[in-house]
Amino acid sequence: MAKNSDKSDREQLEFDFGEPPQSSPLSHEPLLTIPEACIVFNLKPHVLRKAIKAGTIPSYRIGNGRIRVRASDITAAIEASRSGGAK
């Protein structure tokens, strides 16, 4: 199929759908299962589940119903609970 215009694909998409939204830092961040997050952050599963239940860490249920979390949300919760020391 031949192109009828000189526009690049991106320009054509912008023309058809408007300017693409600015990507946020979370838009491409993978969601981790509780076991995966526990390995990455060296946490016990019951500690992570307790934080999710308390609302300290946001969670997502997608597809098969397993709870998923973002690594940045866990990092933010850890930083928020920090006490003492220099920041």
C-alpha atoms as a PDB file:
ATOM      1  CA  MET A   1       0.000   0.000   0.000  1.00  0.00           C
ATOM      2  CA  ALA A   2       1.567   3.284  -1.122  1.00  0.00           C
ATOM      3  CA  LYS A   3       1.592   6.385   1.059  1.00  0.00           C
ATOM      4  CA  ASN A   4      -0.286   9.360  -0.334  1.00  0.00           C
ATOM      5  CA  SER A   5       1.530  11.982   1.740  1.00  0.00           C
ATOM      6  CA  ASP A   6       5.032  12.956   2.812  1.00  0.00           C
ATOM      7  CA  LYS A   7       4.162  12.871   6.524  1.00  0.00           C
ATOM      8  CA  SER A   8       5.938  10.469   8.809  1.00  0.00           C
ATOM      9  CA  ASP A   9       3.902   7.867  10.665  1.00  0.00           C
ATOM     10  CA  ARG A  10       4.073   9.923  13.885  1.00  0.00           C
ATOM     11  CA  GLU A  11       2.897  13.072  12.130  1.00  0.00           C
ATOM     12  CA  GLN A  12       0.043  11.133  10.560  1.00  0.00           C
ATOM     13  CA  LEU A  13      -0.999   9.735  13.947  1.00  0.00           C
ATOM     14  CA  GLU A  14      -0.877  13.227  15.478  1.00  0.00           C
ATOM     15  CA  PHE A  15      -3.034  14.448  12.610  1.00  0.00           C
ATOM     16  CA  ASP A  16      -5.531  11.595  13.022  1.00  0.00           C
ATOM     17  CA  PHE A  17      -5.699  11.462  16.830  1.00  0.00           C
ATOM     18  CA  GLY A  18      -4.164  14.670  18.130  1.00  0.00           C
ATOM     19  CA  GLU A  19      -1.004  15.056  20.163  1.00  0.00           C
ATOM     20  CA  PRO A  20      -0.144  11.814  22.015  1.00  0.00           C
ATOM     21  CA  PRO A  21      -0.353  12.095  25.801  1.00  0.00           C
ATOM     22  CA  GLN A  22       2.885  12.737  27.656  1.00  0.00           C
ATOM     23  CA  SER A  23       4.015   9.423  29.039  1.00  0.00           C
ATOM     24  CA  SER A  24       4.172   9.301  32.805  1.00  0.00           C
ATOM     25  CA  PRO A  25       6.985   7.445  34.565  1.00  0.00           C
ATOM     26  CA  LEU A  26       4.475   4.782  35.611  1.00  0.00           C
ATOM     27  CA  SER A  27       2.988   4.137  32.193  1.00  0.00           C
ATOM     28  CA  HIS A  28       5.523   1.463  31.202  1.00  0.00           C
ATOM     29  CA  GLU A  29       6.424   0.184  34.637  1.00  0.00           C
ATOM     30  CA  PRO A  30       5.605  -3.514  34.981  1.00  0.00           C
ATOM     31  CA  LEU A  31       3.248  -4.746  37.672  1.00  0.00           C
ATOM     32  CA  LEU A  32       4.740  -7.281  40.076  1.00  0.00           C
ATOM     33  CA  THR A  33       2.984 -10.146  41.820  1.00  0.00           C
ATOM     34  CA  ILE A  34       3.374 -10.323  45.587  1.00  0.00           C
ATOM     35  CA  PRO A  35       6.022 -13.085  45.397  1.00  0.00           C
ATOM     36  CA  GLU A  36       7.993 -11.132  42.773  1.00  0.00           C
ATOM     37  CA  ALA A  37       7.817  -7.918  44.817  1.00  0.00           C
ATOM     38  CA  CYS A  38       8.926  -9.781  47.950  1.00  0.00           C
ATOM     39  CA  ILE A  39      12.009 -11.084  46.155  1.00  0.00           C
ATOM     40  CA  VAL A  40      12.896  -7.657  44.717  1.00  0.00           C
ATOM     41  CA  PHE A  41      12.423  -5.784  48.002  1.00  0.00           C
ATOM     42  CA  ASN A  42      13.433  -8.578  50.382  1.00  0.00           C
ATOM     43  CA  LEU A  43      10.081  -8.500  52.194  1.00  0.00           C
ATOM     44  CA  LYS A  44       7.947 -11.194  53.770  1.00  0.00           C
ATOM     45  CA  PRO A  45       4.643 -11.759  51.931  1.00  0.00           C
ATOM     46  CA  HIS A  46       2.553 -11.098  55.065  1.00  0.00           C
ATOM     47  CA  VAL A  47       4.226  -7.691  55.517  1.00  0.00           C
ATOM     48  CA  LEU A  48       3.440  -6.664  51.937  1.00  0.00           C
ATOM     49  CA  ARG A  49      -0.150  -7.969  52.165  1.00  0.00           C
ATOM     50  CA  LYS A  50      -0.662  -6.056  55.425  1.00  0.00           C
ATOM     51  CA  ALA A  51       0.555  -2.814  53.804  1.00  0.00           C
ATOM     52  CA  ILE A  52      -1.769  -3.383  50.835  1.00  0.00           C
ATOM     53  CA  LYS A  53      -4.734  -4.089  53.124  1.00  0.00           C
ATOM     54  CA  ALA A  54      -3.959  -0.934  55.158  1.00  0.00           C
ATOM     55  CA  GLY A  55      -3.901   1.111  51.954  1.00  0.00           C
ATOM     56  CA  THR A  56      -0.258   2.115  52.333  1.00  0.00           C
ATOM     57  CA  ILE A  57       0.592   0.491  49.007  1.00  0.00           C
ATOM     58  CA  PRO A  58      -1.896   0.619  46.115  1.00  0.00           C
ATOM     59  CA  SER A  59      -2.653  -2.700  44.436  1.00  0.00           C
ATOM     60  CA  TYR A  60      -4.280  -3.864  41.221  1.00  0.00           C
ATOM     61  CA  ARG A  61      -6.240  -6.976  40.293  1.00  0.00           C
ATOM     62  CA  ILE A  62      -5.915  -7.721  36.614  1.00  0.00           C
ATOM     63  CA  GLY A  63      -7.045 -10.744  34.645  1.00  0.00           C
ATOM     64  CA  ASN A  64      -6.759 -13.813  36.827  1.00  0.00           C
ATOM     65  CA  GLY A  65      -7.400 -11.906  40.072  1.00  0.00           C
ATOM     66  CA  ARG A  66      -3.854 -12.016  41.401  1.00  0.00           C
ATOM     67  CA  ILE A  67      -2.811  -8.922  43.291  1.00  0.00           C
ATOM     68  CA  ARG A  68      -0.183  -6.826  41.519  1.00  0.00           C
ATOM     69  CA  VAL A  69       1.840  -3.841  42.742  1.00  0.00           C
ATOM     70  CA  ARG A  70       4.180  -1.295  41.197  1.00  0.00           C
ATOM     71  CA  ALA A  71       7.777  -1.212  42.403  1.00  0.00           C
ATOM     72  CA  SER A  72       7.642   2.590  42.583  1.00  0.00           C
ATOM     73  CA  ASP A  73       4.651   2.416  44.971  1.00  0.00           C
ATOM     74  CA  ILE A  74       6.571   0.102  47.292  1.00  0.00           C
ATOM     75  CA  THR A  75       9.636   2.356  47.124  1.00  0.00           C
ATOM     76  CA  ALA A  76       7.473   5.399  47.916  1.00  0.00           C
ATOM     77  CA  ALA A  77       5.925   3.622  50.913  1.00  0.00           C
ATOM     78  CA  ILE A  78       9.360   2.637  52.199  1.00  0.00           C
ATOM     79  CA  GLU A  79      10.656   6.209  51.798  1.00  0.00           C
ATOM     80  CA  ALA A  80       7.551   7.628  53.517  1.00  0.00           C
ATOM     81  CA  SER A  81       8.119   5.404  56.525  1.00  0.00           C
ATOM     82  CA  ARG A  82      11.746   6.422  56.848  1.00  0.00           C
ATOM     83  CA  SER A  83      12.775   7.848  60.204  1.00  0.00           C
ATOM     84  CA  GLY A  84      16.020   9.478  61.213  1.00  0.00           C
ATOM     85  CA  GLY A  85      19.156   9.900  59.175  1.00  0.00           C
ATOM     86  CA  ALA A  86      19.885  12.399  56.440  1.00  0.00           C
ATOM     87  CA  LYS A  87      17.555  12.601  53.461  1.00  0.00           C
END
